Amino acid sequence: MAFAHYLVTVPVDTSKHAKVSNPLFSSYFDPSLPSSLAFTSSPPLLSIARNLSNFPTIRHKAKAVPQPQDSEVSLVADAFTHFKHLPLPITDRNPYLSEGTRQAAATTAALAKNYGADITVVVIDEKQKEELPEHGTQLSSIHWHLSQGGFKEFKLLERLGEGSKATAIIAEVADDLNLDLVVMSMEAIRSKHVDANLLVEFIPCPVLFLPL
């Protein structure tokens, strides 16, 4: 989604260059010049008036500031208010889910329930299922925590032993399933299971990081 950048005009005070108009003075002061050149001699006032009459008239044209289009504003608003499909990435091996994963599960369930969205749990691990003896316990824990949020039915996608990093898998799944929002705990970032910089660069949807 493309976001437009809008330019804001700020009025400028032109009174900072104080010119002396009193005819008793034969010089003027320009603070923008170096101190050695601040004061300059001026010709007689009559000559100044004649010279000024030869200068072309300067007209200041107001620049039009582009306004955001209604369609662009609507697209941005829809991206954060119309959720149809939310993922729950699981990157830790805790059979009973870590604190950050439980927090992400509760937040995802609350958003999905509020907007009537579907949930797809994505279990990601570098090891094969046979190398994860407590894998079944972890799935039971996921089911329990989502059921506490009102979701007894959800889709399950296991990406195990593929050799790909969790960051790449999450971005790929978000693209393939046309997901609307990815909710993750900062715990996954601090534990280095997920690279936040790469994720937000390549993922096609917004990402919500939850602080612990």
N, C-alpha and C. Protein backbone atom coordinates (compact mmCIF):
# COMPACT_ATOMS: atom_id res chain seq x y z
N MET A 1 0.85 -1.19 0.00
CA MET A 1 0.00 0.00 0.00
C MET A 1 0.88 1.24 0.00
N ALA A 2 0.61 2.20 -0.82
CA ALA A 2 1.44 3.41 -0.91
C ALA A 2 0.88 4.48 0.00
N PHE A 3 1.72 5.16 0.73
CA PHE A 3 1.32 6.24 1.60
C PHE A 3 1.85 7.54 1.03
N ALA A 4 0.97 8.54 0.90
CA ALA A 4 1.36 9.81 0.32
C ALA A 4 1.99 10.70 1.38
N HIS A 5 2.96 11.50 1.01
CA HIS A 5 3.59 12.44 1.90
C HIS A 5 3.10 13.83 1.51
N TYR A 6 2.64 14.60 2.46
CA TYR A 6 2.07 15.91 2.18
C TYR A 6 2.96 16.99 2.76
N LEU A 7 3.09 18.08 2.00
CA LEU A 7 3.95 19.19 2.38
C LEU A 7 3.13 20.24 3.10
N VAL A 8 3.63 20.69 4.23
CA VAL A 8 2.95 21.71 5.01
C VAL A 8 3.73 23.00 4.90
N THR A 9 3.03 24.10 4.55
CA THR A 9 3.70 25.39 4.44
C THR A 9 3.68 26.08 5.78
N VAL A 10 4.79 26.75 6.10
CA VAL A 10 4.91 27.47 7.37
C VAL A 10 5.18 28.93 7.05
N PRO A 11 4.40 29.90 7.58
CA PRO A 11 4.64 31.32 7.30
C PRO A 11 5.99 31.75 7.85
N VAL A 12 6.67 32.59 7.11
CA VAL A 12 7.99 33.07 7.49
C VAL A 12 7.90 34.53 7.86
N ASP A 13 8.54 34.91 8.97
CA ASP A 13 8.55 36.30 9.42
C ASP A 13 9.64 37.06 8.66
N THR A 14 9.23 37.97 7.84
CA THR A 14 10.19 38.71 7.01
C THR A 14 10.69 39.96 7.71
N SER A 15 10.31 40.16 8.98
CA SER A 15 10.69 41.38 9.68
C SER A 15 12.07 41.30 10.30
N LYS A 16 12.77 40.14 10.13
CA LYS A 16 14.07 40.00 10.78
C LYS A 16 15.13 40.89 10.13
N HIS A 17 14.94 41.28 8.88
CA HIS A 17 15.88 42.20 8.24
C HIS A 17 15.35 43.62 8.45
N ALA A 18 15.82 44.27 9.49
CA ALA A 18 15.28 45.59 9.86
C ALA A 18 15.96 46.66 9.02
N LYS A 19 15.17 47.32 8.24
CA LYS A 19 15.69 48.42 7.43
C LYS A 19 15.32 49.74 8.09
N VAL A 20 16.24 50.66 8.14
CA VAL A 20 16.02 51.96 8.76
C VAL A 20 15.42 52.89 7.72
N SER A 21 14.21 53.35 7.97
CA SER A 21 13.54 54.23 7.01
C SER A 21 13.62 55.69 7.41
N ASN A 22 14.19 55.99 8.55
CA ASN A 22 14.31 57.36 9.00
C ASN A 22 15.28 58.11 8.10
N PRO A 23 14.89 59.21 7.49
CA PRO A 23 15.77 59.94 6.57
C PRO A 23 17.00 60.51 7.25
N LEU A 24 17.00 60.57 8.61
CA LEU A 24 18.17 61.09 9.29
C LEU A 24 19.34 60.13 9.20
N PHE A 25 19.05 58.86 8.92
CA PHE A 25 20.12 57.88 8.82
C PHE A 25 20.48 57.68 7.36
N SER A 26 21.76 57.50 7.11
CA SER A 26 22.22 57.29 5.74
C SER A 26 22.71 55.87 5.51
N SER A 27 22.33 54.94 6.37
CA SER A 27 22.74 53.54 6.20
C SER A 27 21.63 52.64 6.71
N TYR A 28 21.74 51.35 6.37
CA TYR A 28 20.78 50.38 6.88
C TYR A 28 21.56 49.17 7.37
N PHE A 29 20.91 48.38 8.20
CA PHE A 29 21.57 47.22 8.82
C PHE A 29 20.93 45.93 8.33
N ASP A 30 21.76 45.02 7.84
CA ASP A 30 21.30 43.71 7.38
C ASP A 30 21.99 42.63 8.21
N PRO A 31 21.31 42.02 9.18
CA PRO A 31 21.96 41.04 10.06
C PRO A 31 22.39 39.78 9.34
N SER A 32 21.92 39.54 8.10
CA SER A 32 22.30 38.33 7.39
C SER A 32 23.72 38.42 6.83
N LEU A 33 24.28 39.65 6.79
CA LEU A 33 25.62 39.83 6.25
C LEU A 33 26.65 39.68 7.36
N PRO A 34 27.92 39.40 6.99
CA PRO A 34 28.98 39.36 8.00
C PRO A 34 29.09 40.68 8.72
N SER A 35 29.65 40.64 9.96
CA SER A 35 29.71 41.86 10.78
C SER A 35 30.49 42.97 10.08
N SER A 36 31.50 42.61 9.29
CA SER A 36 32.30 43.63 8.62
C SER A 36 31.54 44.30 7.49
N LEU A 37 30.46 43.68 7.03
CA LEU A 37 29.69 44.23 5.91
C LEU A 37 28.27 44.60 6.32
N ALA A 38 28.01 44.61 7.61
CA ALA A 38 26.64 44.84 8.06
C ALA A 38 26.16 46.24 7.70
N PHE A 39 27.03 47.25 7.84
CA PHE A 39 26.62 48.62 7.55
C PHE A 39 27.20 49.04 6.21
N THR A 40 26.33 49.53 5.34
CA THR A 40 26.78 50.00 4.03
C THR A 40 26.23 51.38 3.78
N SER A 41 26.98 52.15 3.04
CA SER A 41 26.53 53.51 2.72
C SER A 41 25.35 53.45 1.79
N SER A 42 24.48 54.39 1.90
CA SER A 42 23.32 54.45 1.02
C SER A 42 23.35 55.77 0.26
N PRO A 43 22.87 55.79 -0.97
CA PRO A 43 22.79 57.03 -1.74
C PRO A 43 21.69 57.91 -1.21
N PRO A 44 21.59 59.10 -1.68
CA PRO A 44 20.49 59.97 -1.23
C PRO A 44 19.15 59.31 -1.45
N LEU A 45 18.19 59.71 -0.62
CA LEU A 45 16.86 59.08 -0.64
C LEU A 45 16.19 59.26 -1.99
N LEU A 46 16.39 60.38 -2.65
CA LEU A 46 15.75 60.60 -3.94
C LEU A 46 16.28 59.61 -4.96
N SER A 47 17.61 59.36 -4.91
CA SER A 47 18.18 58.40 -5.85
C SER A 47 17.66 57.00 -5.58
N ILE A 48 17.48 56.68 -4.31
CA ILE A 48 16.94 55.37 -3.96
C ILE A 48 15.54 55.20 -4.53
N ALA A 49 14.72 56.24 -4.39
CA ALA A 49 13.35 56.16 -4.89
C ALA A 49 13.34 55.95 -6.40
N ARG A 50 14.24 56.66 -7.12
CA ARG A 50 14.28 56.49 -8.56
C ARG A 50 14.75 55.10 -8.95
N ASN A 51 15.75 54.60 -8.24
CA ASN A 51 16.26 53.27 -8.57
C ASN A 51 15.22 52.18 -8.30
N LEU A 52 14.49 52.34 -7.22
CA LEU A 52 13.48 51.34 -6.89
C LEU A 52 12.39 51.29 -7.94
N SER A 53 12.11 52.42 -8.57
CA SER A 53 11.05 52.43 -9.57
C SER A 53 11.43 51.63 -10.80
N ASN A 54 12.73 51.36 -10.97
CA ASN A 54 13.18 50.60 -12.13
C ASN A 54 13.14 49.10 -11.91
N PHE A 55 12.97 48.67 -10.65
CA PHE A 55 12.93 47.24 -10.36
C PHE A 55 11.58 46.66 -10.75
N PRO A 56 11.57 45.46 -11.30
CA PRO A 56 10.29 44.83 -11.65
C PRO A 56 9.48 44.52 -10.41
N THR A 57 8.20 44.56 -10.59
CA THR A 57 7.31 44.27 -9.47
C THR A 57 7.38 42.79 -9.11
N ILE A 58 7.55 42.49 -7.85
CA ILE A 58 7.65 41.11 -7.38
C ILE A 58 6.31 40.68 -6.80
N ARG A 59 5.77 39.65 -7.32
CA ARG A 59 4.49 39.14 -6.84
C ARG A 59 4.73 37.77 -6.21
N HIS A 60 4.18 37.57 -5.02
CA HIS A 60 4.30 36.30 -4.32
C HIS A 60 3.06 35.45 -4.60
N LYS A 61 3.30 34.31 -5.18
CA LYS A 61 2.20 33.41 -5.48
C LYS A 61 2.10 32.33 -4.41
N ALA A 62 0.94 32.16 -3.87
CA ALA A 62 0.74 31.13 -2.85
C ALA A 62 0.78 29.75 -3.50
N LYS A 63 1.57 28.87 -2.91
CA LYS A 63 1.66 27.51 -3.42
C LYS A 63 0.52 26.66 -2.88
N ALA A 64 -0.10 25.95 -3.76
CA ALA A 64 -1.21 25.09 -3.34
C ALA A 64 -0.66 23.86 -2.65
N VAL A 65 -1.19 23.57 -1.48
CA VAL A 65 -0.77 22.39 -0.73
C VAL A 65 -1.70 21.24 -1.08
N PRO A 66 -1.15 20.14 -1.60
CA PRO A 66 -2.02 19.02 -1.98
C PRO A 66 -2.73 18.43 -0.77
N GLN A 67 -3.97 18.14 -0.93
CA GLN A 67 -4.77 17.55 0.13
C GLN A 67 -4.90 16.05 -0.10
N PRO A 68 -4.92 15.27 0.99
CA PRO A 68 -5.06 13.82 0.83
C PRO A 68 -6.39 13.47 0.19
N GLN A 69 -6.34 12.54 -0.75
CA GLN A 69 -7.54 12.12 -1.42
C GLN A 69 -8.37 11.23 -0.49
N ASP A 70 -9.67 11.30 -0.65
CA ASP A 70 -10.56 10.50 0.20
C ASP A 70 -10.29 9.01 0.03
N SER A 71 -9.95 8.59 -1.20
CA SER A 71 -9.71 7.17 -1.44
C SER A 71 -8.47 6.69 -0.69
N GLU A 72 -7.43 7.53 -0.61
CA GLU A 72 -6.22 7.16 0.10
C GLU A 72 -6.48 7.04 1.59
N VAL A 73 -7.22 7.99 2.14
CA VAL A 73 -7.54 7.95 3.56
C VAL A 73 -8.37 6.72 3.89
N SER A 74 -9.29 6.38 3.00
CA SER A 74 -10.14 5.21 3.24
C SER A 74 -9.32 3.93 3.22
N LEU A 75 -8.35 3.84 2.30
CA LEU A 75 -7.51 2.64 2.22
C LEU A 75 -6.69 2.46 3.48
N VAL A 76 -6.14 3.56 4.00
CA VAL A 76 -5.35 3.48 5.23
C VAL A 76 -6.24 3.06 6.40
N ALA A 77 -7.43 3.65 6.47
CA ALA A 77 -8.33 3.31 7.57
C ALA A 77 -8.79 1.86 7.49
N ASP A 78 -9.07 1.39 6.28
CA ASP A 78 -9.52 0.01 6.11
C ASP A 78 -8.44 -0.99 6.53
N ALA A 79 -7.19 -0.61 6.33
CA ALA A 79 -6.09 -1.53 6.66
C ALA A 79 -6.03 -1.81 8.15
N PHE A 80 -6.60 -0.94 8.97
CA PHE A 80 -6.53 -1.11 10.42
C PHE A 80 -7.90 -1.32 11.06
N THR A 81 -8.93 -1.45 10.27
CA THR A 81 -10.27 -1.64 10.84
C THR A 81 -11.04 -2.78 10.20
N HIS A 82 -10.53 -3.38 9.15
CA HIS A 82 -11.24 -4.47 8.48
C HIS A 82 -10.33 -5.69 8.41
N PHE A 83 -10.38 -6.51 9.46
CA PHE A 83 -9.56 -7.70 9.52
C PHE A 83 -10.41 -8.93 9.19
N LYS A 84 -9.94 -9.71 8.25
CA LYS A 84 -10.66 -10.93 7.87
C LYS A 84 -9.86 -12.20 8.16
N HIS A 85 -8.54 -12.05 8.18
CA HIS A 85 -7.70 -13.24 8.37
C HIS A 85 -6.45 -12.82 9.14
N LEU A 86 -6.29 -13.37 10.34
CA LEU A 86 -5.16 -13.03 11.20
C LEU A 86 -4.33 -14.28 11.49
N PRO A 87 -3.01 -14.16 11.46
CA PRO A 87 -2.16 -15.30 11.80
C PRO A 87 -1.72 -15.24 13.26
N LEU A 88 -1.30 -16.37 13.79
CA LEU A 88 -0.67 -16.43 15.10
C LEU A 88 0.63 -17.20 14.94
N PRO A 89 1.74 -16.51 14.68
CA PRO A 89 3.02 -17.20 14.52
C PRO A 89 3.54 -17.71 15.87
N ILE A 90 3.94 -18.96 15.91
CA ILE A 90 4.53 -19.56 17.11
C ILE A 90 5.98 -19.90 16.78
N THR A 91 6.91 -19.21 17.42
CA THR A 91 8.32 -19.43 17.12
C THR A 91 9.11 -20.00 18.30
N ASP A 92 8.50 -20.09 19.47
CA ASP A 92 9.22 -20.63 20.62
C ASP A 92 8.87 -22.11 20.81
N ARG A 93 9.69 -22.82 21.54
CA ARG A 93 9.49 -24.25 21.74
C ARG A 93 8.88 -24.59 23.10
N ASN A 94 8.48 -23.58 23.81
CA ASN A 94 7.86 -23.83 25.11
C ASN A 94 6.55 -24.60 24.92
N PRO A 95 6.43 -25.81 25.47
CA PRO A 95 5.21 -26.60 25.24
C PRO A 95 3.96 -25.94 25.81
N TYR A 96 4.14 -25.07 26.78
CA TYR A 96 3.00 -24.38 27.38
C TYR A 96 2.93 -22.91 26.95
N LEU A 97 3.72 -22.56 25.97
CA LEU A 97 3.80 -21.23 25.37
C LEU A 97 4.45 -20.24 26.33
N SER A 98 5.32 -19.44 25.79
CA SER A 98 5.99 -18.40 26.57
C SER A 98 5.01 -17.27 26.89
N GLU A 99 5.43 -16.39 27.76
CA GLU A 99 4.57 -15.27 28.15
C GLU A 99 4.23 -14.40 26.94
N GLY A 100 5.23 -14.13 26.09
CA GLY A 100 4.98 -13.30 24.91
C GLY A 100 4.03 -13.96 23.93
N THR A 101 4.16 -15.29 23.74
CA THR A 101 3.26 -16.01 22.82
C THR A 101 1.84 -16.03 23.36
N ARG A 102 1.69 -16.19 24.66
CA ARG A 102 0.35 -16.16 25.26
C ARG A 102 -0.29 -14.78 25.07
N GLN A 103 0.51 -13.75 25.23
CA GLN A 103 0.00 -12.39 25.03
C GLN A 103 -0.43 -12.18 23.58
N ALA A 104 0.37 -12.67 22.64
CA ALA A 104 0.02 -12.53 21.23
C ALA A 104 -1.23 -13.33 20.90
N ALA A 105 -1.36 -14.51 21.50
CA ALA A 105 -2.56 -15.33 21.26
C ALA A 105 -3.82 -14.64 21.77
N ALA A 106 -3.74 -14.04 22.95
CA ALA A 106 -4.91 -13.35 23.52
C ALA A 106 -5.28 -12.12 22.68
N THR A 107 -4.27 -11.39 22.22
CA THR A 107 -4.54 -10.20 21.41
C THR A 107 -5.12 -10.57 20.05
N THR A 108 -4.56 -11.60 19.42
CA THR A 108 -5.07 -12.05 18.13
C THR A 108 -6.50 -12.53 18.24
N ALA A 109 -6.80 -13.29 19.29
CA ALA A 109 -8.17 -13.79 19.50
C ALA A 109 -9.14 -12.64 19.72
N ALA A 110 -8.74 -11.64 20.49
CA ALA A 110 -9.62 -10.50 20.75
C ALA A 110 -9.91 -9.72 19.47
N LEU A 111 -8.88 -9.48 18.66
CA LEU A 111 -9.09 -8.77 17.40
C LEU A 111 -9.96 -9.57 16.44
N ALA A 112 -9.69 -10.86 16.33
CA ALA A 112 -10.46 -11.71 15.41
C ALA A 112 -11.92 -11.79 15.84
N LYS A 113 -12.16 -11.87 17.13
CA LYS A 113 -13.54 -11.94 17.63
C LYS A 113 -14.27 -10.62 17.39
N ASN A 114 -13.57 -9.52 17.57
CA ASN A 114 -14.18 -8.21 17.40
C ASN A 114 -14.55 -7.93 15.95
N TYR A 115 -13.71 -8.40 15.01
CA TYR A 115 -13.94 -8.12 13.59
C TYR A 115 -14.46 -9.32 12.81
N GLY A 116 -14.70 -10.43 13.50
CA GLY A 116 -15.21 -11.61 12.82
C GLY A 116 -14.22 -12.21 11.86
N ALA A 117 -12.95 -12.21 12.22
CA ALA A 117 -11.89 -12.70 11.34
C ALA A 117 -11.54 -14.15 11.67
N ASP A 118 -10.89 -14.81 10.72
CA ASP A 118 -10.38 -16.16 10.92
C ASP A 118 -8.95 -16.09 11.45
N ILE A 119 -8.54 -17.18 12.12
CA ILE A 119 -7.19 -17.26 12.67
C ILE A 119 -6.48 -18.48 12.09
N THR A 120 -5.25 -18.26 11.65
CA THR A 120 -4.39 -19.36 11.22
C THR A 120 -3.16 -19.38 12.12
N VAL A 121 -2.98 -20.47 12.84
CA VAL A 121 -1.81 -20.65 13.69
C VAL A 121 -0.67 -21.18 12.82
N VAL A 122 0.48 -20.52 12.87
CA VAL A 122 1.63 -20.92 12.08
C VAL A 122 2.75 -21.33 13.05
N VAL A 123 2.97 -22.64 13.17
CA VAL A 123 4.02 -23.15 14.06
C VAL A 123 5.30 -23.27 13.24
N ILE A 124 6.34 -22.58 13.69
CA ILE A 124 7.60 -22.50 12.93
C ILE A 124 8.74 -23.03 13.79
N ASP A 125 9.50 -23.94 13.23
CA ASP A 125 10.68 -24.46 13.93
C ASP A 125 11.67 -25.01 12.92
N GLU A 126 12.93 -24.88 13.22
CA GLU A 126 13.97 -25.39 12.31
C GLU A 126 14.07 -26.91 12.36
N LYS A 127 13.56 -27.52 13.43
CA LYS A 127 13.64 -28.97 13.59
C LYS A 127 12.39 -29.66 13.02
N GLN A 128 12.54 -30.92 12.68
CA GLN A 128 11.42 -31.73 12.22
C GLN A 128 10.52 -32.09 13.40
N LYS A 129 9.29 -32.48 13.09
CA LYS A 129 8.33 -32.82 14.14
C LYS A 129 8.86 -33.96 15.01
N GLU A 130 9.55 -34.93 14.39
CA GLU A 130 10.07 -36.06 15.15
C GLU A 130 11.13 -35.65 16.17
N GLU A 131 11.75 -34.49 15.96
CA GLU A 131 12.78 -34.00 16.87
C GLU A 131 12.20 -33.12 17.97
N LEU A 132 10.89 -32.96 17.99
CA LEU A 132 10.22 -32.12 18.99
C LEU A 132 9.29 -32.99 19.82
N PRO A 133 9.79 -33.60 20.90
CA PRO A 133 8.99 -34.55 21.67
C PRO A 133 7.75 -33.96 22.32
N GLU A 134 7.77 -32.65 22.60
CA GLU A 134 6.62 -32.02 23.26
C GLU A 134 5.77 -31.21 22.28
N HIS A 135 5.88 -31.55 21.00
CA HIS A 135 5.12 -30.82 19.98
C HIS A 135 3.61 -30.95 20.19
N GLY A 136 3.17 -32.15 20.53
CA GLY A 136 1.74 -32.37 20.77
C GLY A 136 1.23 -31.56 21.95
N THR A 137 2.04 -31.46 23.00
CA THR A 137 1.66 -30.65 24.16
C THR A 137 1.53 -29.18 23.79
N GLN A 138 2.41 -28.73 22.93
CA GLN A 138 2.35 -27.34 22.50
C GLN A 138 1.08 -27.05 21.71
N LEU A 139 0.70 -27.96 20.83
CA LEU A 139 -0.54 -27.77 20.08
C LEU A 139 -1.75 -27.72 21.00
N SER A 140 -1.74 -28.56 22.03
CA SER A 140 -2.84 -28.55 23.00
C SER A 140 -2.89 -27.21 23.75
N SER A 141 -1.72 -26.67 24.07
CA SER A 141 -1.67 -25.38 24.76
C SER A 141 -2.20 -24.26 23.86
N ILE A 142 -1.85 -24.32 22.58
CA ILE A 142 -2.36 -23.31 21.64
C ILE A 142 -3.87 -23.36 21.57
N HIS A 143 -4.40 -24.57 21.47
CA HIS A 143 -5.86 -24.74 21.40
C HIS A 143 -6.52 -24.20 22.66
N TRP A 144 -5.92 -24.47 23.81
CA TRP A 144 -6.52 -24.02 25.08
C TRP A 144 -6.54 -22.50 25.16
N HIS A 145 -5.43 -21.85 24.83
CA HIS A 145 -5.36 -20.39 24.95
C HIS A 145 -6.29 -19.70 23.97
N LEU A 146 -6.42 -20.21 22.77
CA LEU A 146 -7.34 -19.60 21.81
C LEU A 146 -8.80 -19.84 22.21
N SER A 147 -9.08 -21.00 22.78
CA SER A 147 -10.45 -21.27 23.24
C SER A 147 -10.84 -20.33 24.37
N GLN A 148 -9.86 -19.92 25.16
CA GLN A 148 -10.15 -18.94 26.21
C GLN A 148 -10.56 -17.60 25.62
N GLY A 149 -10.12 -17.34 24.41
CA GLY A 149 -10.51 -16.10 23.73
C GLY A 149 -11.72 -16.26 22.84
N GLY A 150 -12.35 -17.45 22.90
CA GLY A 150 -13.58 -17.67 22.13
C GLY A 150 -13.37 -18.36 20.81
N PHE A 151 -12.17 -18.94 20.58
CA PHE A 151 -11.89 -19.61 19.31
C PHE A 151 -11.52 -21.07 19.57
N LYS A 152 -12.49 -21.92 19.32
CA LYS A 152 -12.24 -23.35 19.45
C LYS A 152 -11.85 -23.97 18.11
N GLU A 153 -12.11 -23.25 17.04
CA GLU A 153 -11.75 -23.71 15.71
C GLU A 153 -10.84 -22.70 15.04
N PHE A 154 -9.76 -23.20 14.51
CA PHE A 154 -8.80 -22.35 13.81
C PHE A 154 -8.02 -23.22 12.84
N LYS A 155 -7.37 -22.57 11.90
CA LYS A 155 -6.55 -23.30 10.93
C LYS A 155 -5.14 -23.46 11.49
N LEU A 156 -4.53 -24.58 11.18
CA LEU A 156 -3.17 -24.86 11.66
C LEU A 156 -2.25 -25.08 10.47
N LEU A 157 -1.14 -24.36 10.47
CA LEU A 157 -0.14 -24.50 9.42
C LEU A 157 1.21 -24.74 10.10
N GLU A 158 1.82 -25.90 9.84
CA GLU A 158 3.10 -26.23 10.44
C GLU A 158 4.21 -26.09 9.41
N ARG A 159 5.21 -25.30 9.73
CA ARG A 159 6.38 -25.11 8.87
C ARG A 159 7.59 -25.56 9.68
N LEU A 160 7.85 -26.86 9.64
CA LEU A 160 8.88 -27.46 10.47
C LEU A 160 10.00 -28.04 9.62
N GLY A 161 11.22 -27.82 10.08
CA GLY A 161 12.38 -28.43 9.44
C GLY A 161 12.61 -28.04 8.00
N GLU A 162 12.25 -26.83 7.61
CA GLU A 162 12.41 -26.42 6.22
C GLU A 162 13.74 -25.73 5.96
N GLY A 163 14.44 -25.38 7.02
CA GLY A 163 15.72 -24.70 6.84
C GLY A 163 15.60 -23.21 6.62
N SER A 164 14.40 -22.68 6.54
CA SER A 164 14.19 -21.24 6.34
C SER A 164 14.05 -20.55 7.69
N LYS A 165 14.45 -19.31 7.74
CA LYS A 165 14.31 -18.52 8.94
C LYS A 165 12.84 -18.17 9.18
N ALA A 166 12.51 -17.99 10.47
CA ALA A 166 11.12 -17.67 10.82
C ALA A 166 10.67 -16.38 10.17
N THR A 167 11.56 -15.42 10.05
CA THR A 167 11.21 -14.13 9.43
C THR A 167 10.72 -14.33 8.00
N ALA A 168 11.46 -15.10 7.22
CA ALA A 168 11.08 -15.34 5.83
C ALA A 168 9.78 -16.13 5.74
N ILE A 169 9.59 -17.09 6.64
CA ILE A 169 8.37 -17.90 6.61
C ILE A 169 7.14 -17.06 6.91
N ILE A 170 7.24 -16.20 7.92
CA ILE A 170 6.09 -15.35 8.28
C ILE A 170 5.72 -14.42 7.12
N ALA A 171 6.71 -13.82 6.49
CA ALA A 171 6.43 -12.94 5.35
C ALA A 171 5.83 -13.72 4.19
N GLU A 172 6.33 -14.92 3.96
CA GLU A 172 5.81 -15.74 2.87
C GLU A 172 4.36 -16.16 3.12
N VAL A 173 4.08 -16.59 4.35
CA VAL A 173 2.72 -17.01 4.69
C VAL A 173 1.75 -15.84 4.59
N ALA A 174 2.17 -14.67 5.06
CA ALA A 174 1.32 -13.48 4.98
C ALA A 174 0.97 -13.14 3.54
N ASP A 175 1.92 -13.36 2.64
CA ASP A 175 1.69 -13.08 1.22
C ASP A 175 0.79 -14.14 0.60
N ASP A 176 1.06 -15.42 0.90
CA ASP A 176 0.30 -16.51 0.30
C ASP A 176 -1.16 -16.52 0.76
N LEU A 177 -1.38 -16.22 2.03
CA LEU A 177 -2.73 -16.29 2.60
C LEU A 177 -3.45 -14.95 2.58
N ASN A 178 -2.79 -13.91 2.06
CA ASN A 178 -3.39 -12.58 2.00
C ASN A 178 -3.87 -12.13 3.38
N LEU A 179 -2.95 -12.18 4.34
CA LEU A 179 -3.28 -11.83 5.72
C LEU A 179 -3.42 -10.32 5.88
N ASP A 180 -4.18 -9.92 6.90
CA ASP A 180 -4.46 -8.51 7.11
C ASP A 180 -3.57 -7.86 8.16
N LEU A 181 -3.14 -8.62 9.15
CA LEU A 181 -2.34 -8.05 10.24
C LEU A 181 -1.62 -9.19 10.95
N VAL A 182 -0.34 -8.98 11.25
CA VAL A 182 0.44 -9.95 12.00
C VAL A 182 0.70 -9.39 13.39
N VAL A 183 0.29 -10.12 14.40
CA VAL A 183 0.49 -9.71 15.80
C VAL A 183 1.59 -10.58 16.40
N MET A 184 2.61 -9.92 16.92
CA MET A 184 3.73 -10.64 17.52
C MET A 184 4.19 -9.92 18.78
N SER A 185 4.75 -10.69 19.70
CA SER A 185 5.32 -10.11 20.91
C SER A 185 6.76 -9.70 20.64
N MET A 186 7.20 -8.67 21.32
CA MET A 186 8.60 -8.25 21.22
C MET A 186 9.54 -9.33 21.75
N GLU A 187 9.00 -10.29 22.47
CA GLU A 187 9.80 -11.39 22.97
C GLU A 187 10.43 -12.18 21.82
N ALA A 188 9.69 -12.32 20.72
CA ALA A 188 10.23 -13.03 19.56
C ALA A 188 11.37 -12.25 18.92
N ILE A 189 11.35 -10.94 19.06
CA ILE A 189 12.43 -10.11 18.52
C ILE A 189 13.65 -10.19 19.42
N ARG A 190 13.44 -10.08 20.72
CA ARG A 190 14.56 -10.09 21.66
C ARG A 190 15.25 -11.44 21.72
N SER A 191 14.48 -12.49 21.50
CA SER A 191 15.07 -13.83 21.50
C SER A 191 15.74 -14.16 20.17
N LYS A 192 15.66 -13.22 19.23
CA LYS A 192 16.28 -13.35 17.90
C LYS A 192 15.65 -14.46 17.06
N HIS A 193 14.42 -14.83 17.39
CA HIS A 193 13.70 -15.77 16.53
C HIS A 193 13.23 -15.07 15.25
N VAL A 194 12.98 -13.77 15.38
CA VAL A 194 12.48 -12.99 14.25
C VAL A 194 13.31 -11.72 14.11
N ASP A 195 13.65 -11.37 12.89
CA ASP A 195 14.36 -10.13 12.59
C ASP A 195 13.31 -9.07 12.22
N ALA A 196 13.09 -8.13 13.11
CA ALA A 196 12.03 -7.13 12.91
C ALA A 196 12.28 -6.27 11.69
N ASN A 197 13.53 -5.87 11.45
CA ASN A 197 13.83 -5.01 10.31
C ASN A 197 13.51 -5.69 8.98
N LEU A 198 13.90 -6.95 8.85
CA LEU A 198 13.61 -7.68 7.61
C LEU A 198 12.12 -7.96 7.46
N LEU A 199 11.46 -8.24 8.58
CA LEU A 199 10.04 -8.57 8.51
C LEU A 199 9.23 -7.40 7.99
N VAL A 200 9.42 -6.22 8.57
CA VAL A 200 8.61 -5.06 8.16
C VAL A 200 8.98 -4.60 6.75
N GLU A 201 10.16 -4.99 6.28
CA GLU A 201 10.56 -4.59 4.93
C GLU A 201 9.90 -5.45 3.85
N PHE A 202 9.71 -6.73 4.14
CA PHE A 202 9.23 -7.64 3.10
C PHE A 202 7.79 -8.10 3.30
N ILE A 203 7.22 -7.95 4.47
CA ILE A 203 5.87 -8.44 4.69
C ILE A 203 4.86 -7.52 4.00
N PRO A 204 3.80 -8.06 3.40
CA PRO A 204 2.87 -7.23 2.62
C PRO A 204 1.72 -6.64 3.44
N CYS A 205 1.74 -6.82 4.77
CA CYS A 205 0.64 -6.31 5.59
C CYS A 205 1.22 -5.66 6.85
N PRO A 206 0.40 -4.91 7.59
CA PRO A 206 0.90 -4.29 8.83
C PRO A 206 1.30 -5.33 9.86
N VAL A 207 2.24 -4.93 10.74
CA VAL A 207 2.71 -5.78 11.82
C VAL A 207 2.53 -5.03 13.14
N LEU A 208 1.98 -5.72 14.13
CA LEU A 208 1.78 -5.14 15.45
C LEU A 208 2.68 -5.86 16.44
N PHE A 209 3.67 -5.15 17.00
CA PHE A 209 4.57 -5.72 17.99
C PHE A 209 4.06 -5.35 19.38
N LEU A 210 3.88 -6.33 20.22
CA LEU A 210 3.36 -6.12 21.57
C LEU A 210 4.51 -6.03 22.57
N PRO A 211 4.58 -4.97 23.35
CA PRO A 211 5.63 -4.88 24.39
C PRO A 211 5.30 -5.81 25.55
N LEU A 212 6.33 -6.31 26.21
CA LEU A 212 6.14 -7.15 27.38
C LEU A 212 5.94 -6.32 28.62
